[in-house]
Amino acid sequence: MRRPPIRDIRALLVFLKSTIGDDYRAAGDEESATPSMCVTIGANASGSDWSYQTGDNSFTGGAYSFPHWAVITLTRRSNSLELARDVIDQIAELRVQ
């Protein structure tokens, strides 16, 4: 069972951190003082294809065409490797069910 490459997920998260605006807040975290964004990463059953989206795109973003999703909250100070592992674990857990 393949998983999306952790190095690619980590690189994506590092990039996305640099795009978090001062007024960004992840859904459900609007009252927080910490800028953040919601990131959804979707993958196919084999883990060979995946895509992502940020924010709430009402089921129209790139991740939603895949059957398995991971959802995280990203801040500028997030540990990208730790969150990438969380993404991989979430997707793997869903594929087992």
PDB file of N, CA and C in Angstrom:
ATOM      1  N   MET A   1       0.840  -1.168   0.000  1.00  0.00           N
ATOM      2  CA  MET A   1       0.000   0.000   0.000  1.00  0.00           C
ATOM      3  C   MET A   1       0.892   1.241   0.000  1.00  0.00           C
ATOM      4  N   ARG A   2       0.838   1.990  -1.067  1.00  0.00           N
ATOM      5  CA  ARG A   2       1.648   3.204  -1.171  1.00  0.00           C
ATOM      6  C   ARG A   2       0.973   4.361  -0.476  1.00  0.00           C
ATOM      7  N   ARG A   3       1.784   5.306  -0.071  1.00  0.00           N
ATOM      8  CA  ARG A   3       1.291   6.533   0.540  1.00  0.00           C
ATOM      9  C   ARG A   3       1.849   7.709  -0.250  1.00  0.00           C
ATOM     10  N   PRO A   4       1.175   8.854  -0.190  1.00  0.00           N
ATOM     11  CA  PRO A   4       1.773  10.034  -0.836  1.00  0.00           C
ATOM     12  C   PRO A   4       3.158  10.280  -0.234  1.00  0.00           C
ATOM     13  N   PRO A   5       4.112  10.714  -1.040  1.00  0.00           N
ATOM     14  CA  PRO A   5       5.475  10.949  -0.527  1.00  0.00           C
ATOM     15  C   PRO A   5       5.499  12.022   0.563  1.00  0.00           C
ATOM     16  N   ILE A   6       6.003  11.667   1.724  1.00  0.00           N
ATOM     17  CA  ILE A   6       6.031  12.596   2.867  1.00  0.00           C
ATOM     18  C   ILE A   6       6.856  13.836   2.534  1.00  0.00           C
ATOM     19  N   ARG A   7       7.911  13.686   1.768  1.00  0.00           N
ATOM     20  CA  ARG A   7       8.744  14.849   1.426  1.00  0.00           C
ATOM     21  C   ARG A   7       7.954  15.844   0.577  1.00  0.00           C
ATOM     22  N   ASP A   8       7.060  15.336  -0.279  1.00  0.00           N
ATOM     23  CA  ASP A   8       6.247  16.218  -1.113  1.00  0.00           C
ATOM     24  C   ASP A   8       5.183  16.939  -0.280  1.00  0.00           C
ATOM     25  N   ILE A   9       4.568  16.214   0.650  1.00  0.00           N
ATOM     26  CA  ILE A   9       3.575  16.824   1.531  1.00  0.00           C
ATOM     27  C   ILE A   9       4.249  17.893   2.395  1.00  0.00           C
ATOM     28  N   ARG A  10       5.418  17.565   2.937  1.00  0.00           N
ATOM     29  CA  ARG A  10       6.162  18.525   3.770  1.00  0.00           C
ATOM     30  C   ARG A  10       6.506  19.772   2.966  1.00  0.00           C
ATOM     31  N   ALA A  11       7.004  19.592   1.749  1.00  0.00           N
ATOM     32  CA  ALA A  11       7.371  20.737   0.902  1.00  0.00           C
ATOM     33  C   ALA A  11       6.145  21.611   0.621  1.00  0.00           C
ATOM     34  N   LEU A  12       5.003  20.984   0.376  1.00  0.00           N
ATOM     35  CA  LEU A  12       3.772  21.744   0.167  1.00  0.00           C
ATOM     36  C   LEU A  12       3.447  22.573   1.400  1.00  0.00           C
ATOM     37  N   LEU A  13       3.527  21.969   2.575  1.00  0.00           N
ATOM     38  CA  LEU A  13       3.196  22.691   3.806  1.00  0.00           C
ATOM     39  C   LEU A  13       4.168  23.833   4.071  1.00  0.00           C
ATOM     40  N   VAL A  14       5.438  23.623   3.796  1.00  0.00           N
ATOM     41  CA  VAL A  14       6.426  24.703   3.948  1.00  0.00           C
ATOM     42  C   VAL A  14       6.046  25.868   3.033  1.00  0.00           C
ATOM     43  N   PHE A  15       5.710  25.559   1.801  1.00  0.00           N
ATOM     44  CA  PHE A  15       5.298  26.617   0.866  1.00  0.00           C
ATOM     45  C   PHE A  15       4.038  27.329   1.352  1.00  0.00           C
ATOM     46  N   LEU A  16       3.016  26.548   1.733  1.00  0.00           N
ATOM     47  CA  LEU A  16       1.753  27.155   2.149  1.00  0.00           C
ATOM     48  C   LEU A  16       1.911  28.048   3.372  1.00  0.00           C
ATOM     49  N   LYS A  17       2.809  27.695   4.278  1.00  0.00           N
ATOM     50  CA  LYS A  17       3.043  28.548   5.449  1.00  0.00           C
ATOM     51  C   LYS A  17       3.442  29.955   5.029  1.00  0.00           C
ATOM     52  N   SER A  18       4.199  30.045   3.954  1.00  0.00           N
ATOM     53  CA  SER A  18       4.665  31.363   3.501  1.00  0.00           C
ATOM     54  C   SER A  18       3.537  32.194   2.889  1.00  0.00           C
ATOM     55  N   THR A  19       2.396  31.572   2.625  1.00  0.00           N
ATOM     56  CA  THR A  19       1.277  32.294   2.010  1.00  0.00           C
ATOM     57  C   THR A  19       0.193  32.669   3.018  1.00  0.00           C
ATOM     58  N   ILE A  20       0.355  32.315   4.275  1.00  0.00           N
ATOM     59  CA  ILE A  20      -0.654  32.618   5.292  1.00  0.00           C
ATOM     60  C   ILE A  20      -0.647  34.120   5.577  1.00  0.00           C
ATOM     61  N   GLY A  21      -1.739  34.771   5.261  1.00  0.00           N
ATOM     62  CA  GLY A  21      -1.866  36.205   5.499  1.00  0.00           C
ATOM     63  C   GLY A  21      -2.167  36.502   6.962  1.00  0.00           C
ATOM     64  N   ASP A  22      -1.893  37.707   7.377  1.00  0.00           N
ATOM     65  CA  ASP A  22      -2.129  38.108   8.766  1.00  0.00           C
ATOM     66  C   ASP A  22      -3.587  37.953   9.184  1.00  0.00           C
ATOM     67  N   ASP A  23      -4.503  38.072   8.240  1.00  0.00           N
ATOM     68  CA  ASP A  23      -5.919  37.981   8.571  1.00  0.00           C
ATOM     69  C   ASP A  23      -6.521  36.596   8.331  1.00  0.00           C
ATOM     70  N   TYR A  24      -5.712  35.619   7.950  1.00  0.00           N
ATOM     71  CA  TYR A  24      -6.206  34.263   7.713  1.00  0.00           C
ATOM     72  C   TYR A  24      -6.506  33.564   9.036  1.00  0.00           C
ATOM     73  N   ARG A  25      -7.633  32.865   9.076  1.00  0.00           N
ATOM     74  CA  ARG A  25      -7.991  32.018  10.213  1.00  0.00           C
ATOM     75  C   ARG A  25      -8.657  30.765   9.658  1.00  0.00           C
ATOM     76  N   ALA A  26      -8.229  29.614  10.149  1.00  0.00           N
ATOM     77  CA  ALA A  26      -8.838  28.358   9.732  1.00  0.00           C
ATOM     78  C   ALA A  26     -10.283  28.319  10.199  1.00  0.00           C
ATOM     79  N   ALA A  27     -11.123  27.616   9.461  1.00  0.00           N
ATOM     80  CA  ALA A  27     -12.527  27.451   9.843  1.00  0.00           C
ATOM     81  C   ALA A  27     -12.595  26.873  11.249  1.00  0.00           C
ATOM     82  N   GLY A  28     -13.430  27.465  12.066  1.00  0.00           N
ATOM     83  CA  GLY A  28     -13.560  27.026  13.451  1.00  0.00           C
ATOM     84  C   GLY A  28     -12.564  27.681  14.386  1.00  0.00           C
ATOM     85  N   ASP A  29     -11.634  28.447  13.832  1.00  0.00           N
ATOM     86  CA  ASP A  29     -10.598  29.085  14.635  1.00  0.00           C
ATOM     87  C   ASP A  29     -10.599  30.600  14.398  1.00  0.00           C
ATOM     88  N   GLU A  30     -11.737  31.129  13.991  1.00  0.00           N
ATOM     89  CA  GLU A  30     -11.823  32.539  13.605  1.00  0.00           C
ATOM     90  C   GLU A  30     -11.502  33.510  14.734  1.00  0.00           C
ATOM     91  N   GLU A  31     -11.703  33.109  15.977  1.00  0.00           N
ATOM     92  CA  GLU A  31     -11.462  33.993  17.122  1.00  0.00           C
ATOM     93  C   GLU A  31      -9.999  33.978  17.585  1.00  0.00           C
ATOM     94  N   SER A  32      -9.202  33.093  17.044  1.00  0.00           N
ATOM     95  CA  SER A  32      -7.806  32.983  17.444  1.00  0.00           C
ATOM     96  C   SER A  32      -7.006  34.201  16.978  1.00  0.00           C
ATOM     97  N   ALA A  33      -5.970  34.523  17.727  1.00  0.00           N
ATOM     98  CA  ALA A  33      -5.076  35.609  17.330  1.00  0.00           C
ATOM     99  C   ALA A  33      -3.991  35.121  16.374  1.00  0.00           C
ATOM    100  N   THR A  34      -3.887  33.801  16.206  1.00  0.00           N
ATOM    101  CA  THR A  34      -2.831  33.215  15.380  1.00  0.00           C
ATOM    102  C   THR A  34      -3.317  32.999  13.953  1.00  0.00           C
ATOM    103  N   PRO A  35      -2.652  33.604  12.969  1.00  0.00           N
ATOM    104  CA  PRO A  35      -3.017  33.348  11.577  1.00  0.00           C
ATOM    105  C   PRO A  35      -2.874  31.853  11.251  1.00  0.00           C
ATOM    106  N   SER A  36      -3.856  31.322  10.545  1.00  0.00           N
ATOM    107  CA  SER A  36      -3.845  29.896  10.209  1.00  0.00           C
ATOM    108  C   SER A  36      -4.698  29.645   8.976  1.00  0.00           C
ATOM    109  N   MET A  37      -4.546  28.461   8.407  1.00  0.00           N
ATOM    110  CA  MET A  37      -5.395  28.049   7.299  1.00  0.00           C
ATOM    111  C   MET A  37      -5.688  26.566   7.414  1.00  0.00           C
ATOM    112  N   CYS A  38      -6.839  26.193   6.922  1.00  0.00           N
ATOM    113  CA  CYS A  38      -7.226  24.794   6.851  1.00  0.00           C
ATOM    114  C   CYS A  38      -6.669  24.242   5.535  1.00  0.00           C
ATOM    115  N   VAL A  39      -6.065  23.060   5.600  1.00  0.00           N
ATOM    116  CA  VAL A  39      -5.530  22.408   4.406  1.00  0.00           C
ATOM    117  C   VAL A  39      -6.141  21.013   4.329  1.00  0.00           C
ATOM    118  N   THR A  40      -6.724  20.696   3.190  1.00  0.00           N
ATOM    119  CA  THR A  40      -7.265  19.368   2.934  1.00  0.00           C
ATOM    120  C   THR A  40      -6.430  18.733   1.847  1.00  0.00           C
ATOM    121  N   ILE A  41      -5.964  17.515   2.115  1.00  0.00           N
ATOM    122  CA  ILE A  41      -5.180  16.768   1.139  1.00  0.00           C
ATOM    123  C   ILE A  41      -5.928  15.477   0.860  1.00  0.00           C
ATOM    124  N   GLY A  42      -6.199  15.228  -0.410  1.00  0.00           N
ATOM    125  CA  GLY A  42      -6.901  14.017  -0.814  1.00  0.00           C
ATOM    126  C   GLY A  42      -5.977  13.123  -1.612  1.00  0.00           C
ATOM    127  N   ALA A  43      -6.213  11.808  -1.506  1.00  0.00           N
ATOM    128  CA  ALA A  43      -5.382  10.841  -2.231  1.00  0.00           C
ATOM    129  C   ALA A  43      -6.255   9.704  -2.750  1.00  0.00           C
ATOM    130  N   ASN A  44      -5.761   9.044  -3.803  1.00  0.00           N
ATOM    131  CA  ASN A  44      -6.469   7.873  -4.300  1.00  0.00           C
ATOM    132  C   ASN A  44      -6.133   6.666  -3.428  1.00  0.00           C
ATOM    133  N   ALA A  45      -6.750   5.547  -3.713  1.00  0.00           N
ATOM    134  CA  ALA A  45      -6.592   4.352  -2.879  1.00  0.00           C
ATOM    135  C   ALA A  45      -5.150   3.867  -2.826  1.00  0.00           C
ATOM    136  N   SER A  46      -4.401   4.040  -3.902  1.00  0.00           N
ATOM    137  CA  SER A  46      -3.010   3.561  -3.901  1.00  0.00           C
ATOM    138  C   SER A  46      -2.046   4.592  -3.326  1.00  0.00           C
ATOM    139  N   GLY A  47      -2.494   5.843  -3.170  1.00  0.00           N
ATOM    140  CA  GLY A  47      -1.621   6.892  -2.663  1.00  0.00           C
ATOM    141  C   GLY A  47      -0.704   7.478  -3.718  1.00  0.00           C
ATOM    142  N   SER A  48      -0.856   7.004  -4.959  1.00  0.00           N
ATOM    143  CA  SER A  48       0.035   7.477  -6.021  1.00  0.00           C
ATOM    144  C   SER A  48      -0.370   8.844  -6.563  1.00  0.00           C
ATOM    145  N   ASP A  49      -1.632   9.177  -6.474  1.00  0.00           N
ATOM    146  CA  ASP A  49      -2.124  10.478  -6.926  1.00  0.00           C
ATOM    147  C   ASP A  49      -2.753  11.211  -5.748  1.00  0.00           C
ATOM    148  N   TRP A  50      -2.480  12.499  -5.666  1.00  0.00           N
ATOM    149  CA  TRP A  50      -3.047  13.297  -4.583  1.00  0.00           C
ATOM    150  C   TRP A  50      -3.122  14.755  -5.006  1.00  0.00           C
ATOM    151  N   SER A  51      -3.904  15.504  -4.279  1.00  0.00           N
ATOM    152  CA  SER A  51      -4.038  16.928  -4.523  1.00  0.00           C
ATOM    153  C   SER A  51      -4.427  17.598  -3.206  1.00  0.00           C
ATOM    154  N   TYR A  52      -4.477  18.899  -3.211  1.00  0.00           N
ATOM    155  CA  TYR A  52      -4.782  19.629  -1.984  1.00  0.00           C
ATOM    156  C   TYR A  52      -5.641  20.843  -2.291  1.00  0.00           C
ATOM    157  N   GLN A  53      -6.150  21.405  -1.238  1.00  0.00           N
ATOM    158  CA  GLN A  53      -6.800  22.705  -1.315  1.00  0.00           C
ATOM    159  C   GLN A  53      -6.706  23.359   0.043  1.00  0.00           C
ATOM    160  N   THR A  54      -6.841  24.663   0.044  1.00  0.00           N
ATOM    161  CA  THR A  54      -6.817  25.412   1.294  1.00  0.00           C
ATOM    162  C   THR A  54      -8.189  26.013   1.520  1.00  0.00           C
ATOM    163  N   GLY A  55      -8.536  26.199   2.765  1.00  0.00           N
ATOM    164  CA  GLY A  55      -9.806  26.819   3.101  1.00  0.00           C
ATOM    165  C   GLY A  55     -10.984  25.909   2.863  1.00  0.00           C
ATOM    166  N   ASP A  56     -12.162  26.467   2.952  1.00  0.00           N
ATOM    167  CA  ASP A  56     -13.396  25.749   2.731  1.00  0.00           C
ATOM    168  C   ASP A  56     -13.880  26.070   1.325  1.00  0.00           C
ATOM    169  N   ASN A  57     -13.712  25.126   0.425  1.00  0.00           N
ATOM    170  CA  ASN A  57     -14.111  25.345  -0.961  1.00  0.00           C
ATOM    171  C   ASN A  57     -15.420  24.647  -1.312  1.00  0.00           C
ATOM    172  N   SER A  58     -16.204  24.328  -0.292  1.00  0.00           N
ATOM    173  CA  SER A  58     -17.528  23.736  -0.490  1.00  0.00           C
ATOM    174  C   SER A  58     -17.511  22.560  -1.453  1.00  0.00           C
ATOM    175  N   PHE A  59     -16.591  21.683  -1.257  1.00  0.00           N
ATOM    176  CA  PHE A  59     -16.493  20.436  -2.026  1.00  0.00           C
ATOM    177  C   PHE A  59     -16.162  20.654  -3.499  1.00  0.00           C
ATOM    178  N   THR A  60     -15.474  21.740  -3.816  1.00  0.00           N
ATOM    179  CA  THR A  60     -15.118  21.975  -5.210  1.00  0.00           C
ATOM    180  C   THR A  60     -13.611  22.046  -5.431  1.00  0.00           C
ATOM    181  N   GLY A  61     -12.795  21.865  -4.415  1.00  0.00           N
ATOM    182  CA  GLY A  61     -11.351  21.974  -4.567  1.00  0.00           C
ATOM    183  C   GLY A  61     -10.708  20.698  -5.078  1.00  0.00           C
ATOM    184  N   GLY A  62      -9.420  20.752  -5.330  1.00  0.00           N
ATOM    185  CA  GLY A  62      -8.667  19.637  -5.901  1.00  0.00           C
ATOM    186  C   GLY A  62      -8.661  18.372  -5.065  1.00  0.00           C
ATOM    187  N   ALA A  63      -8.764  18.495  -3.745  1.00  0.00           N
ATOM    188  CA  ALA A  63      -8.711  17.315  -2.877  1.00  0.00           C
ATOM    189  C   ALA A  63      -9.994  16.500  -2.926  1.00  0.00           C
ATOM    190  N   TYR A  64     -11.106  17.140  -3.213  1.00  0.00           N
ATOM    191  CA  TYR A  64     -12.395  16.464  -3.088  1.00  0.00           C
ATOM    192  C   TYR A  64     -12.681  15.447  -4.183  1.00  0.00           C
ATOM    193  N   SER A  65     -11.878  15.390  -5.218  1.00  0.00           N
ATOM    194  CA  SER A  65     -12.087  14.367  -6.245  1.00  0.00           C
ATOM    195  C   SER A  65     -11.491  13.030  -5.824  1.00  0.00           C
ATOM    196  N   PHE A  66     -10.801  13.011  -4.686  1.00  0.00           N
ATOM    197  CA  PHE A  66     -10.184  11.781  -4.181  1.00  0.00           C
ATOM    198  C   PHE A  66     -11.014  11.188  -3.048  1.00  0.00           C
ATOM    199  N   PRO A  67     -10.964   9.861  -2.896  1.00  0.00           N
ATOM    200  CA  PRO A  67     -11.804   9.224  -1.879  1.00  0.00           C
ATOM    201  C   PRO A  67     -11.294   9.331  -0.446  1.00  0.00           C
ATOM    202  N   HIS A  68     -10.030   9.627  -0.259  1.00  0.00           N
ATOM    203  CA  HIS A  68      -9.443   9.653   1.086  1.00  0.00           C
ATOM    204  C   HIS A  68      -8.861  11.039   1.353  1.00  0.00           C
ATOM    205  N   TRP A  69      -9.269  11.637   2.486  1.00  0.00           N
ATOM    206  CA  TRP A  69      -8.856  13.004   2.816  1.00  0.00           C
ATOM    207  C   TRP A  69      -8.198  13.070   4.168  1.00  0.00           C
ATOM    208  N   ALA A  70      -7.283  14.008   4.273  1.00  0.00           N
ATOM    209  CA  ALA A  70      -6.706  14.415   5.554  1.00  0.00           C
ATOM    210  C   ALA A  70      -6.948  15.909   5.671  1.00  0.00           C
ATOM    211  N   VAL A  71      -7.303  16.346   6.870  1.00  0.00           N
ATOM    212  CA  VAL A  71      -7.574  17.767   7.103  1.00  0.00           C
ATOM    213  C   VAL A  71      -6.717  18.221   8.278  1.00  0.00           C
ATOM    214  N   ILE A  72      -5.968  19.303   8.074  1.00  0.00           N
ATOM    215  CA  ILE A  72      -5.105  19.843   9.119  1.00  0.00           C
ATOM    216  C   ILE A  72      -5.284  21.355   9.205  1.00  0.00           C
ATOM    217  N   THR A  73      -4.857  21.902  10.338  1.00  0.00           N
ATOM    218  CA  THR A  73      -4.774  23.349  10.499  1.00  0.00           C
ATOM    219  C   THR A  73      -3.298  23.718  10.480  1.00  0.00           C
ATOM    220  N   LEU A  74      -2.949  24.641   9.624  1.00  0.00           N
ATOM    221  CA  LEU A  74      -1.564  25.050   9.419  1.00  0.00           C
ATOM    222  C   LEU A  74      -1.366  26.479   9.904  1.00  0.00           C
ATOM    223  N   THR A  75      -0.338  26.704  10.712  1.00  0.00           N
ATOM    224  CA  THR A  75       0.060  28.048  11.117  1.00  0.00           C
ATOM    225  C   THR A  75       1.478  28.285  10.617  1.00  0.00           C
ATOM    226  N   ARG A  76       1.921  29.517  10.721  1.00  0.00           N
ATOM    227  CA  ARG A  76       3.291  29.827  10.291  1.00  0.00           C
ATOM    228  C   ARG A  76       4.333  29.096  11.124  1.00  0.00           C
ATOM    229  N   ARG A  77       3.989  28.747  12.353  1.00  0.00           N
ATOM    230  CA  ARG A  77       4.942  28.086  13.256  1.00  0.00           C
ATOM    231  C   ARG A  77       4.754  26.572  13.321  1.00  0.00           C
ATOM    232  N   SER A  78       3.848  26.044  12.515  1.00  0.00           N
ATOM    233  CA  SER A  78       3.611  24.598  12.514  1.00  0.00           C
ATOM    234  C   SER A  78       4.875  23.838  12.131  1.00  0.00           C
ATOM    235  N   ASN A  79       5.027  22.656  12.713  1.00  0.00           N
ATOM    236  CA  ASN A  79       6.106  21.755  12.337  1.00  0.00           C
ATOM    237  C   ASN A  79       5.658  21.018  11.080  1.00  0.00           C
ATOM    238  N   SER A  80       6.227  21.368   9.942  1.00  0.00           N
ATOM    239  CA  SER A  80       5.779  20.834   8.654  1.00  0.00           C
ATOM    240  C   SER A  80       5.955  19.326   8.553  1.00  0.00           C
ATOM    241  N   LEU A  81       7.057  18.806   9.086  1.00  0.00           N
ATOM    242  CA  LEU A  81       7.274  17.361   9.026  1.00  0.00           C
ATOM    243  C   LEU A  81       6.264  16.618   9.892  1.00  0.00           C
ATOM    244  N   GLU A  82       6.007  17.140  11.070  1.00  0.00           N
ATOM    245  CA  GLU A  82       5.025  16.516  11.965  1.00  0.00           C
ATOM    246  C   GLU A  82       3.629  16.521  11.335  1.00  0.00           C
ATOM    247  N   LEU A  83       3.233  17.632  10.737  1.00  0.00           N
ATOM    248  CA  LEU A  83       1.930  17.694  10.079  1.00  0.00           C
ATOM    249  C   LEU A  83       1.876  16.793   8.849  1.00  0.00           C
ATOM    250  N   ALA A  84       2.979  16.692   8.115  1.00  0.00           N
ATOM    251  CA  ALA A  84       3.022  15.787   6.958  1.00  0.00           C
ATOM    252  C   ALA A  84       2.812  14.346   7.421  1.00  0.00           C
ATOM    253  N   ARG A  85       3.422  13.978   8.525  1.00  0.00           N
ATOM    254  CA  ARG A  85       3.205  12.629   9.080  1.00  0.00           C
ATOM    255  C   ARG A  85       1.744  12.435   9.469  1.00  0.00           C
ATOM    256  N   ASP A  86       1.141  13.460  10.051  1.00  0.00           N
ATOM    257  CA  ASP A  86      -0.267  13.390  10.427  1.00  0.00           C
ATOM    258  C   ASP A  86      -1.135  13.176   9.187  1.00  0.00           C
ATOM    259  N   VAL A  87      -0.846  13.890   8.124  1.00  0.00           N
ATOM    260  CA  VAL A  87      -1.578  13.737   6.867  1.00  0.00           C
ATOM    261  C   VAL A  87      -1.472  12.294   6.369  1.00  0.00           C
ATOM    262  N   ILE A  88      -0.265  11.777   6.319  1.00  0.00           N
ATOM    263  CA  ILE A  88      -0.037  10.408   5.837  1.00  0.00           C
ATOM    264  C   ILE A  88      -0.800   9.417   6.711  1.00  0.00           C
ATOM    265  N   ASP A  89      -0.743   9.609   8.018  1.00  0.00           N
ATOM    266  CA  ASP A  89      -1.447   8.707   8.941  1.00  0.00           C
ATOM    267  C   ASP A  89      -2.960   8.784   8.751  1.00  0.00           C
ATOM    268  N   GLN A  90      -3.498   9.983   8.596  1.00  0.00           N
ATOM    269  CA  GLN A  90      -4.939  10.124   8.378  1.00  0.00           C
ATOM    270  C   GLN A  90      -5.384   9.402   7.113  1.00  0.00           C
ATOM    271  N   ILE A  91      -4.632   9.576   6.042  1.00  0.00           N
ATOM    272  CA  ILE A  91      -4.989   8.940   4.780  1.00  0.00           C
ATOM    273  C   ILE A  91      -4.861   7.425   4.885  1.00  0.00           C
ATOM    274  N   ALA A  92      -3.798   6.947   5.502  1.00  0.00           N
ATOM    275  CA  ALA A  92      -3.600   5.500   5.653  1.00  0.00           C
ATOM    276  C   ALA A  92      -4.710   4.882   6.495  1.00  0.00           C
ATOM    277  N   GLU A  93      -5.117   5.585   7.526  1.00  0.00           N
ATOM    278  CA  GLU A  93      -6.179   5.094   8.404  1.00  0.00           C
ATOM    279  C   GLU A  93      -7.497   4.951   7.642  1.00  0.00           C
ATOM    280  N   LEU A  94      -7.796   5.892   6.784  1.00  0.00           N
ATOM    281  CA  LEU A  94      -9.032   5.839   6.016  1.00  0.00           C
ATOM    282  C   LEU A  94      -9.009   4.719   4.974  1.00  0.00           C
ATOM    283  N   ARG A  95      -7.845   4.457   4.407  1.00  0.00           N
ATOM    284  CA  ARG A  95      -7.750   3.424   3.370  1.00  0.00           C
ATOM    285  C   ARG A  95      -7.903   2.034   3.968  1.00  0.00           C
ATOM    286  N   VAL A  96      -7.642   1.872   5.246  1.00  0.00           N
ATOM    287  CA  VAL A  96      -7.739   0.560   5.892  1.00  0.00           C
ATOM    288  C   VAL A  96      -9.193   0.210   6.165  1.00  0.00           C
ATOM    289  N   GLN A  97     -10.013   1.197   6.412  1.00  0.00           N
ATOM    290  CA  GLN A  97     -11.419   0.956   6.798  1.00  0.00           C
ATOM    291  C   GLN A  97     -12.234   0.413   5.658  1.00  0.00           C
TER     292      GLN A  97
END
